[in-house]
N, C-alpha and C. Protein backbone atom coordinates (compact mmCIF):
# COMPACT_ATOMS: atom_id res chain seq x y z
N UNK A 1 165.44 86.78 87.36
CA UNK A 1 164.74 86.49 87.82
C UNK A 1 163.68 88.09 88.07
N UNK A 2 162.74 87.45 88.60
CA UNK A 2 161.16 87.40 88.26
C UNK A 2 161.04 89.07 89.35
N UNK A 3 161.81 88.75 89.92
CA UNK A 3 161.60 90.12 90.65
C UNK A 3 162.35 91.33 90.18
N UNK A 4 163.31 91.41 89.27
CA UNK A 4 164.07 92.05 88.34
C UNK A 4 162.74 92.42 87.23
N UNK A 5 162.25 91.20 86.87
CA UNK A 5 161.56 91.54 85.26
C UNK A 5 160.43 92.45 86.09
N UNK A 6 159.76 92.04 87.14
CA UNK A 6 158.40 92.49 87.47
C UNK A 6 158.34 93.47 89.13
N UNK A 7 159.04 93.54 89.11
CA UNK A 7 159.26 94.58 90.48
C UNK A 7 158.94 93.84 91.57
N UNK A 8 159.01 93.52 92.98
CA UNK A 8 158.78 93.56 94.68
C UNK A 8 157.37 92.86 94.68
N UNK A 9 156.50 93.31 93.45
CA UNK A 9 154.86 92.87 93.85
C UNK A 9 154.59 91.87 92.47
N UNK A 10 156.13 91.21 92.51
CA UNK A 10 155.49 90.35 90.91
C UNK A 10 154.82 89.57 91.86
N UNK A 11 154.17 88.58 91.33
CA UNK A 11 152.71 87.26 91.58
C UNK A 11 153.25 86.63 91.49
N UNK A 12 153.60 86.01 93.63
CA UNK A 12 153.95 84.85 94.13
C UNK A 12 153.70 83.66 92.85
N UNK A 13 152.69 83.80 93.11
CA UNK A 13 152.59 82.25 91.77
C UNK A 13 153.67 82.38 90.80
N UNK A 14 153.52 83.47 90.03
CA UNK A 14 154.73 83.30 89.16
C UNK A 14 156.25 83.17 89.48
N UNK A 15 156.38 83.18 90.74
CA UNK A 15 157.79 83.29 91.50
C UNK A 15 157.86 81.91 91.50
N UNK A 16 156.68 81.19 92.39
CA UNK A 16 156.57 79.83 92.86
C UNK A 16 157.21 79.06 91.41
N UNK A 17 156.27 79.08 90.27
CA UNK A 17 156.05 78.69 89.07
C UNK A 17 157.74 78.63 88.72
N UNK A 18 158.37 79.47 88.53
CA UNK A 18 159.42 80.00 87.92
C UNK A 18 160.97 79.43 88.90
N UNK A 19 160.19 78.57 90.01
CA UNK A 19 161.45 78.09 90.96
C UNK A 19 161.21 76.13 90.69
N UNK A 20 159.80 76.33 90.58
CA UNK A 20 159.62 75.03 89.94
C UNK A 20 159.10 74.57 91.26
N UNK A 21 158.17 75.43 92.54
CA UNK A 21 157.58 75.05 93.65
C UNK A 21 156.47 74.79 93.39
N UNK A 22 155.74 74.56 94.59
CA UNK A 22 154.31 74.56 94.97
C UNK A 22 153.87 76.43 95.70
N UNK A 23 153.12 76.53 95.15
CA UNK A 23 152.75 77.82 96.17
C UNK A 23 152.47 77.67 97.07
N UNK A 24 152.23 76.34 97.97
CA UNK A 24 152.24 76.44 99.35
C UNK A 24 153.37 75.80 100.19
N UNK A 25 154.34 75.50 99.47
CA UNK A 25 155.65 75.37 99.59
C UNK A 25 156.22 76.76 99.19
N UNK A 26 155.99 77.47 98.63
CA UNK A 26 156.92 78.79 98.99
C UNK A 26 156.47 79.39 99.90
N UNK A 27 155.07 79.69 100.05
CA UNK A 27 154.80 79.93 101.61
C UNK A 27 155.17 79.48 102.40
N UNK A 28 155.34 78.46 102.89
CA UNK A 28 155.56 77.22 103.64
C UNK A 28 157.01 77.83 104.15
N UNK A 29 158.31 78.18 102.90
CA UNK A 29 159.28 78.78 103.58
C UNK A 29 159.70 80.11 103.56
N UNK A 30 158.82 80.58 102.98
CA UNK A 30 158.53 82.54 102.83
C UNK A 30 157.43 83.02 103.51
N UNK A 31 157.05 82.82 104.52
CA UNK A 31 155.62 83.61 105.30
C UNK A 31 155.02 85.01 104.21
N UNK A 32 156.08 85.80 103.82
CA UNK A 32 155.22 86.64 103.17
C UNK A 32 156.39 87.27 102.22
N UNK A 33 156.28 87.74 101.57
CA UNK A 33 156.89 88.64 100.27
C UNK A 33 158.14 89.73 101.33
N UNK A 34 158.12 89.59 101.95
CA UNK A 34 159.37 90.86 102.46
C UNK A 34 160.74 89.06 102.96
N UNK A 35 159.92 88.26 103.55
CA UNK A 35 160.86 86.80 103.86
C UNK A 35 161.43 86.98 102.62
N UNK A 36 160.60 86.10 101.53
CA UNK A 36 161.45 86.06 100.22
C UNK A 36 162.34 86.70 99.53
N UNK A 37 161.56 88.56 99.67
CA UNK A 37 162.97 89.30 99.21
C UNK A 37 164.24 89.73 100.01
N UNK A 38 164.12 89.37 101.29
CA UNK A 38 165.37 88.72 101.96
C UNK A 38 166.23 87.63 101.91
N UNK A 39 165.81 86.85 101.30
CA UNK A 39 166.15 85.33 100.67
C UNK A 39 167.19 85.89 99.74
N UNK A 40 166.20 86.56 98.82
CA UNK A 40 166.94 86.90 97.46
C UNK A 40 168.28 87.45 97.77
N UNK A 41 167.45 89.38 98.26
CA UNK A 41 168.96 90.20 98.96
C UNK A 41 170.08 89.95 99.27
N UNK A 42 169.89 88.55 100.44
CA UNK A 42 170.82 87.73 101.44
C UNK A 42 172.32 87.96 99.76
N UNK A 43 171.71 86.87 99.16
CA UNK A 43 172.88 86.88 97.81
C UNK A 43 173.41 87.95 97.55
N UNK A 44 172.85 88.76 97.58
CA UNK A 44 172.77 90.13 96.83
C UNK A 44 174.17 91.01 97.58
N UNK A 45 173.96 91.07 98.83
CA UNK A 45 174.40 91.31 100.11
C UNK A 45 176.21 90.29 100.58
N UNK A 46 176.10 88.97 100.43
CA UNK A 46 176.99 88.14 100.28
C UNK A 46 177.72 88.54 99.15
N UNK A 47 177.36 88.47 98.09
CA UNK A 47 178.16 88.90 96.63
C UNK A 47 179.59 90.02 97.19
N UNK A 48 178.45 90.84 97.74
CA UNK A 48 178.97 92.55 97.86
C UNK A 48 180.31 92.22 98.99
N UNK A 49 179.90 91.58 100.25
CA UNK A 49 181.34 91.23 100.88
C UNK A 49 182.25 90.42 100.59
N UNK A 50 181.70 89.27 99.70
CA UNK A 50 182.84 88.47 98.62
C UNK A 50 183.81 89.82 97.68
N UNK A 51 183.25 90.03 97.05
CA UNK A 51 184.03 91.07 96.67
C UNK A 51 184.25 92.06 97.54
N UNK A 52 184.03 93.26 98.43
CA UNK A 52 185.07 94.06 99.12
C UNK A 52 186.40 93.10 99.19
N UNK A 53 186.03 91.79 100.05
CA UNK A 53 187.47 90.98 101.10
C UNK A 53 188.73 91.18 100.22
N UNK A 54 188.85 91.16 99.22
CA UNK A 54 190.48 91.39 99.30
C UNK A 54 191.03 92.68 99.17
N UNK A 55 192.20 93.00 99.50
CA UNK A 55 192.79 94.56 100.04
C UNK A 55 192.82 95.34 99.05
N UNK A 56 193.08 95.08 97.62
CA UNK A 56 193.05 96.11 96.71
C UNK A 56 191.60 96.52 96.04
N UNK A 57 190.48 95.87 96.55
CA UNK A 57 189.23 96.72 96.63
C UNK A 57 189.18 97.84 97.19
N UNK A 58 188.33 98.44 96.11
CA UNK A 58 188.40 100.08 96.75
C UNK A 58 186.91 100.59 96.98
N UNK A 59 186.11 101.62 97.66
CA UNK A 59 185.37 102.46 97.16
C UNK A 59 184.44 102.13 96.00
N UNK A 60 185.09 102.81 95.03
CA UNK A 60 184.76 102.74 93.88
C UNK A 60 185.04 101.53 93.12
N UNK A 61 185.42 100.50 93.26
CA UNK A 61 184.95 98.88 93.31
C UNK A 61 183.81 98.76 93.96
N UNK A 62 183.29 98.78 94.95
CA UNK A 62 181.88 98.74 95.29
C UNK A 62 180.28 99.60 94.62
N UNK A 63 180.73 100.38 94.43
CA UNK A 63 179.53 101.69 93.96
C UNK A 63 179.47 100.84 92.57
N UNK A 64 180.83 101.15 92.25
CA UNK A 64 180.54 99.51 90.48
C UNK A 64 179.85 98.54 90.80
N UNK A 65 180.18 97.80 91.28
CA UNK A 65 179.08 96.69 91.10
C UNK A 65 177.92 96.71 92.26
N UNK A 66 177.70 98.59 93.01
CA UNK A 66 176.27 98.54 93.45
C UNK A 66 175.48 99.22 92.33
N UNK A 67 175.87 99.99 91.60
CA UNK A 67 175.34 100.81 90.17
C UNK A 67 175.00 99.65 89.08
N UNK A 68 175.63 98.82 89.03
CA UNK A 68 175.80 97.22 88.44
C UNK A 68 174.24 96.67 88.49
N UNK A 69 174.34 96.33 89.24
CA UNK A 69 173.03 96.13 90.44
C UNK A 69 171.78 96.29 90.45
N UNK A 70 171.78 97.87 90.50
CA UNK A 70 170.91 98.95 90.74
C UNK A 70 170.24 99.14 89.09
N UNK A 71 171.34 99.15 88.45
CA UNK A 71 170.72 99.71 86.91
C UNK A 71 170.36 98.36 86.75
N UNK A 72 170.35 97.17 86.40
CA UNK A 72 169.95 96.26 86.14
C UNK A 72 167.95 96.34 86.75
N UNK A 73 168.56 96.18 88.31
CA UNK A 73 166.93 95.89 89.08
C UNK A 73 167.30 96.22 90.07
N UNK A 74 165.55 97.47 90.60
CA UNK A 74 165.73 98.46 91.46
C UNK A 74 165.21 98.09 92.86
N UNK A 75 164.75 97.13 92.05
CA UNK A 75 163.87 95.97 93.44
C UNK A 75 164.79 96.09 95.00
N UNK A 76 165.78 95.28 95.18
CA UNK A 76 166.33 96.44 96.26
C UNK A 76 165.73 97.26 97.38
N UNK A 77 166.02 98.42 96.00
CA UNK A 77 166.67 99.75 96.56
C UNK A 77 164.37 99.98 97.24
N UNK A 78 163.93 99.09 96.67
CA UNK A 78 161.82 99.29 96.22
C UNK A 78 161.98 98.49 97.91
N UNK A 79 162.44 97.43 98.72
CA UNK A 79 162.06 97.08 99.49
C UNK A 79 162.55 97.44 100.91
N UNK A 80 163.96 97.99 100.21
CA UNK A 80 164.14 99.15 101.27
C UNK A 80 163.85 100.01 101.38
N UNK A 81 163.73 100.60 100.85
CA UNK A 81 162.95 101.65 101.12
C UNK A 81 161.19 101.68 101.56
N UNK A 82 160.56 100.89 101.31
CA UNK A 82 159.08 100.54 102.08
C UNK A 82 159.22 99.88 103.00
N UNK A 83 160.26 99.19 103.32
CA UNK A 83 160.71 98.74 104.86
C UNK A 83 161.76 98.27 105.95
N UNK A 84 162.22 99.94 105.66
CA UNK A 84 163.54 100.01 105.98
C UNK A 84 163.67 99.93 107.74
N UNK A 85 162.46 99.40 108.10
CA UNK A 85 161.96 99.76 109.99
C UNK A 85 161.68 98.05 110.23
N UNK A 86 161.84 97.29 109.27
CA UNK A 86 161.33 96.45 109.62
C UNK A 86 162.99 95.54 110.09
N UNK A 87 163.16 94.51 111.02
CA UNK A 87 164.02 93.99 111.54
C UNK A 87 165.64 93.45 110.52
N UNK A 88 163.81 92.75 109.41
CA UNK A 88 164.75 91.47 108.45
C UNK A 88 165.41 92.65 107.17
N UNK A 89 164.59 93.49 107.18
CA UNK A 89 165.76 94.25 106.30
C UNK A 89 166.59 95.31 106.74
N UNK A 90 166.64 95.90 107.60
CA UNK A 90 167.09 96.68 108.63
C UNK A 90 168.37 96.00 108.62
N UNK A 91 168.85 94.49 108.76
CA UNK A 91 169.55 93.62 108.65
C UNK A 91 170.40 93.81 107.26
N UNK A 92 170.23 93.97 106.23
CA UNK A 92 170.56 94.54 105.04
C UNK A 92 171.52 95.25 105.03
N UNK A 93 170.99 96.21 105.42
CA UNK A 93 171.70 98.00 105.72
C UNK A 93 172.46 97.87 106.69
N UNK A 94 172.61 97.28 107.52
CA UNK A 94 173.08 96.82 108.47
C UNK A 94 174.61 96.27 107.38
N UNK A 95 174.80 95.19 106.94
CA UNK A 95 175.95 94.66 106.83
C UNK A 95 176.03 95.08 105.47
N UNK A 96 175.48 95.78 104.67
CA UNK A 96 176.04 96.68 103.42
C UNK A 96 176.79 97.59 104.04
N UNK A 97 176.37 98.69 105.35
CA UNK A 97 177.47 99.51 106.00
C UNK A 97 178.91 99.22 106.51
N UNK A 98 178.59 97.65 106.90
CA UNK A 98 179.81 97.48 107.42
C UNK A 98 181.23 97.45 106.63
N UNK A 99 180.41 97.18 104.80
CA UNK A 99 181.58 96.25 104.16
C UNK A 99 181.41 98.40 103.62
N UNK A 100 180.99 99.08 103.26
CA UNK A 100 181.85 100.36 102.74
C UNK A 100 182.19 101.25 104.34
N UNK A 101 181.35 100.52 105.82
CA UNK A 101 183.10 101.27 106.37
C UNK A 101 184.39 100.64 106.73
N UNK A 102 184.63 99.17 105.51
CA UNK A 102 185.74 98.58 106.11
C UNK A 102 186.50 99.26 104.80
N UNK A 103 185.75 99.51 103.46
CA UNK A 103 186.16 99.87 102.06
C UNK A 103 187.29 101.56 102.51
N UNK A 104 185.93 102.20 103.22
CA UNK A 104 186.41 103.53 103.43
C UNK A 104 187.65 103.16 104.39
N UNK A 105 187.85 103.10 105.20
CA UNK A 105 188.99 102.83 106.00
C UNK A 105 190.36 102.82 105.59
N UNK A 106 190.25 101.92 104.08
CA UNK A 106 191.32 101.10 103.84
C UNK A 106 191.50 102.84 102.89
N UNK A 107 190.46 102.76 102.09
CA UNK A 107 190.52 104.26 101.06
C UNK A 107 191.28 105.98 101.50
N UNK A 108 190.65 105.40 103.03
CA UNK A 108 191.34 106.64 104.02
C UNK A 108 192.93 106.75 104.16
N UNK A 109 193.08 105.34 104.95
CA UNK A 109 194.29 104.86 104.90
C UNK A 109 195.39 105.54 103.94
N UNK A 110 195.26 105.44 102.58
CA UNK A 110 195.92 105.20 101.89
C UNK A 110 195.56 106.69 100.82
N UNK A 111 195.16 107.74 101.33
CA UNK A 111 194.72 108.91 100.97
C UNK A 111 193.73 109.14 99.74
N UNK A 112 192.96 107.99 99.35
CA UNK A 112 191.91 108.12 98.47
C UNK A 112 190.93 109.22 98.56
N UNK A 113 190.83 108.78 100.03
CA UNK A 113 189.72 109.41 99.95
C UNK A 113 189.70 110.48 101.39
N UNK A 114 189.38 111.32 101.60
CA UNK A 114 189.39 112.48 102.52
C UNK A 114 188.87 112.08 104.06
N UNK A 115 189.42 112.48 104.77
CA UNK A 115 189.22 112.21 105.80
C UNK A 115 188.30 112.95 106.86
N UNK A 116 187.51 113.56 105.99
CA UNK A 116 186.24 114.67 106.22
C UNK A 116 185.03 113.83 105.44
N UNK A 117 184.93 112.94 104.84
CA UNK A 117 183.96 111.67 104.71
C UNK A 117 183.82 110.62 106.07
N UNK A 118 182.54 110.06 106.30
CA UNK A 118 182.56 108.86 107.00
C UNK A 118 181.79 108.06 106.26
N UNK A 119 181.05 107.12 107.09
CA UNK A 119 180.06 105.88 106.34
C UNK A 119 179.14 106.73 105.82
N UNK A 120 178.76 107.23 106.88
CA UNK A 120 177.12 107.64 106.87
C UNK A 120 176.91 108.60 105.75
N UNK A 121 178.44 109.64 105.40
CA UNK A 121 177.98 109.73 104.34
C UNK A 121 178.19 109.53 102.96
N UNK A 122 179.03 108.18 102.73
CA UNK A 122 178.68 107.28 101.58
C UNK A 122 177.58 106.61 101.57
N UNK A 123 176.96 106.45 102.25
CA UNK A 123 175.90 105.55 102.37
C UNK A 123 174.33 106.27 102.44
N UNK A 124 174.78 108.05 102.57
CA UNK A 124 173.60 108.58 102.43
C UNK A 124 173.59 108.94 100.51
N UNK A 125 175.37 108.55 100.40
CA UNK A 125 175.52 108.95 99.16
C UNK A 125 174.61 107.60 97.73
N UNK A 126 175.22 106.11 98.65
CA UNK A 126 174.49 105.21 97.58
C UNK A 126 173.09 105.47 97.51
N UNK A 127 172.22 105.41 98.97
CA UNK A 127 171.20 105.85 98.90
C UNK A 127 170.60 106.70 97.90
N UNK A 128 171.07 108.08 97.54
CA UNK A 128 170.65 109.02 96.47
C UNK A 128 170.87 108.45 95.63
N UNK A 129 171.73 107.78 94.68
CA UNK A 129 172.15 107.43 93.35
C UNK A 129 171.04 106.36 93.71
N UNK A 130 171.26 105.50 94.65
CA UNK A 130 169.71 104.42 93.99
C UNK A 130 168.58 104.91 93.98
N UNK A 131 167.97 105.76 95.16
CA UNK A 131 166.55 106.36 94.84
C UNK A 131 166.64 106.74 93.63
N UNK A 132 167.97 108.24 93.11
CA UNK A 132 167.13 108.15 91.23
C UNK A 132 167.80 107.17 90.56
N UNK A 133 168.54 106.23 91.07
CA UNK A 133 167.87 105.20 89.39
C UNK A 133 167.08 104.73 89.46
N UNK A 134 166.33 104.56 90.75
CA UNK A 134 165.04 103.85 91.19
C UNK A 134 163.59 104.30 90.01
N UNK A 135 164.34 105.51 90.21
CA UNK A 135 162.90 106.62 89.53
C UNK A 135 163.72 107.08 88.10
N UNK A 136 164.29 106.81 87.43
CA UNK A 136 164.66 106.91 86.29
C UNK A 136 164.65 105.96 85.44
N UNK A 137 164.45 106.02 84.15
CA UNK A 137 164.46 105.30 82.98
C UNK A 137 165.38 104.34 83.04
N UNK A 138 164.63 102.34 82.14
CA UNK A 138 166.38 102.34 82.06
C UNK A 138 167.37 102.13 81.29
N UNK A 139 167.04 103.09 80.47
CA UNK A 139 168.00 103.22 79.44
C UNK A 139 168.90 104.27 80.14
N UNK A 140 168.67 105.44 80.64
CA UNK A 140 168.78 106.23 80.59
C UNK A 140 169.94 106.12 82.32
N UNK A 141 169.79 105.16 82.97
CA UNK A 141 170.24 104.97 83.78
C UNK A 141 172.08 104.47 84.27
N UNK A 142 172.80 104.41 83.42
CA UNK A 142 173.81 104.52 83.52
C UNK A 142 174.64 105.75 83.44
N UNK A 143 173.51 106.89 82.31
CA UNK A 143 174.65 108.17 82.39
C UNK A 143 174.20 108.69 84.06
N UNK A 144 173.13 107.87 84.17
CA UNK A 144 173.01 108.89 85.08
C UNK A 144 173.48 108.38 86.78
N UNK A 145 174.15 107.75 86.47
CA UNK A 145 175.30 107.01 87.42
C UNK A 145 176.65 107.16 87.52
N UNK A 146 176.78 107.93 86.04
CA UNK A 146 178.10 108.21 85.80
C UNK A 146 178.29 110.08 86.12
N UNK A 147 176.98 110.26 86.29
CA UNK A 147 176.79 111.69 86.43
C UNK A 147 177.18 111.76 88.02
N UNK A 148 176.35 111.45 88.78
CA UNK A 148 176.52 111.06 90.05
C UNK A 148 177.75 109.56 91.00
N UNK A 149 178.65 109.31 90.58
CA UNK A 149 179.82 108.88 90.48
C UNK A 149 180.79 110.25 90.55
N UNK A 150 180.71 110.71 89.51
CA UNK A 150 181.85 111.94 89.56
C UNK A 150 181.02 113.05 90.55
N UNK A 151 179.80 113.43 90.76
CA UNK A 151 179.66 114.28 92.02
C UNK A 151 180.73 113.83 92.81
N UNK A 152 180.31 112.81 93.17
CA UNK A 152 181.08 112.04 94.36
C UNK A 152 182.92 111.56 94.29
N UNK A 153 183.20 111.77 93.53
CA UNK A 153 184.53 111.55 93.20
C UNK A 153 184.96 112.99 94.12
N UNK A 154 184.30 114.15 93.27
CA UNK A 154 184.85 115.17 94.23
C UNK A 154 184.56 115.49 95.45
N UNK A 155 183.49 115.04 95.70
CA UNK A 155 183.37 115.23 96.96
C UNK A 155 183.81 114.21 97.87
N UNK A 156 184.15 113.37 97.63
CA UNK A 156 185.00 112.39 98.40
C UNK A 156 186.43 112.42 98.11
N UNK A 157 187.07 113.70 97.78
CA UNK A 157 188.65 113.03 97.13
C UNK A 157 189.03 113.45 97.99
N UNK A 158 190.00 113.21 98.65
CA UNK A 158 190.75 113.83 99.77
C UNK A 158 191.59 114.81 99.10
N UNK A 159 192.02 115.10 98.12
CA UNK A 159 192.00 116.54 97.96
C UNK A 159 190.97 116.59 97.24
N UNK A 160 189.38 117.62 98.25
CA UNK A 160 188.22 118.19 97.50
C UNK A 160 188.67 119.23 96.61
N UNK A 161 189.61 119.35 96.01
CA UNK A 161 189.39 120.71 95.30
C UNK A 161 190.11 119.94 93.72
N UNK A 162 190.77 118.96 93.51
CA UNK A 162 190.81 118.06 92.65
C UNK A 162 189.38 117.27 92.04
N UNK A 163 188.51 116.97 92.47
CA UNK A 163 187.64 116.05 91.97
C UNK A 163 187.99 115.11 91.45
N UNK A 164 189.61 114.23 92.18
CA UNK A 164 189.42 112.93 91.60
C UNK A 164 190.19 112.48 92.69
N UNK A 165 189.28 111.16 92.67
CA UNK A 165 189.86 109.63 92.85
C UNK A 165 191.30 108.91 93.00
N UNK A 166 191.00 108.66 91.77
CA UNK A 166 191.91 107.98 90.71
C UNK A 166 191.71 108.00 89.36
N UNK A 167 192.35 106.95 88.77
CA UNK A 167 191.84 106.93 87.16
C UNK A 167 190.42 106.23 87.30
N UNK A 168 189.98 105.47 88.20
CA UNK A 168 188.59 105.23 88.14
C UNK A 168 187.33 106.46 88.20
N UNK A 169 187.77 107.27 88.56
CA UNK A 169 187.42 108.81 88.29
C UNK A 169 187.37 109.37 86.97
N UNK A 170 188.31 109.52 86.53
CA UNK A 170 187.98 109.80 84.82
C UNK A 170 186.93 108.62 84.39
N UNK A 171 186.87 107.59 84.46
CA UNK A 171 185.44 106.74 83.60
C UNK A 171 184.24 107.53 84.68
N UNK A 172 184.71 108.11 84.98
CA UNK A 172 182.72 108.52 85.20
C UNK A 172 182.72 109.85 85.55
N UNK A 173 183.75 110.98 85.21
CA UNK A 173 184.04 112.38 85.18
C UNK A 173 184.00 112.49 83.50
N UNK A 174 183.62 113.51 82.99
CA UNK A 174 184.00 113.94 81.71
C UNK A 174 184.58 114.28 81.24
N UNK A 175 185.03 114.31 80.00
CA UNK A 175 186.77 114.27 79.90
C UNK A 175 187.17 116.06 79.65
N UNK A 176 185.96 116.59 79.67
CA UNK A 176 186.41 118.21 80.16
C UNK A 176 186.90 118.54 81.63
N UNK A 177 185.94 117.93 82.07
CA UNK A 177 186.21 117.91 83.94
C UNK A 177 187.34 117.74 84.15
N UNK A 178 188.14 115.91 83.64
CA UNK A 178 189.24 115.56 84.27
C UNK A 178 190.18 116.03 83.64
N UNK A 179 190.07 116.90 82.68
CA UNK A 179 191.32 117.39 81.85
C UNK A 179 191.46 118.69 82.85
N UNK A 180 190.40 119.84 82.91
CA UNK A 180 190.37 120.85 84.04
C UNK A 180 191.48 120.39 85.33
N UNK A 181 191.36 119.43 85.55
CA UNK A 181 191.99 118.80 86.81
C UNK A 181 192.88 118.23 87.51
N UNK A 182 193.48 118.37 85.40
CA UNK A 182 194.74 117.08 85.80
C UNK A 182 196.22 118.35 85.90
């Protein structure tokens, strides 16, 4: 996708060419870059909603998918940060917030995540991770994501002293850290 390759400011002529439509047609359907970006990222949010729907999905699973999306393209982060007060963009954040709230409630109900964590904590953490990934060289993004996930695991844990949510936390924490808390 051209946004992933060239960023939010990719030339609209290139987008139209890649889509196989004329530039006029592109502008008729998407009067500005924000409309186009929101249409593209609506699909990402829908993917996250469908992914999170099964009862066995956890907040860790959602964060895995968010990290995968963010490490391949930081354009959604750029769009949200640059236009967060635009109602078209704010809607994406509201939908993501609903996904987070549902998964957090599930995880708290079974004791995976502490009652001290609220959806705004998770959204703040995801936003901080996304911003850090956006400013990190692409080759370094997986390591940064693992380190942040380890921090989240410790902060959000049901027993904050263990630093573990479940076996998925072991994937993101260091072996030394996992051994310390075993």
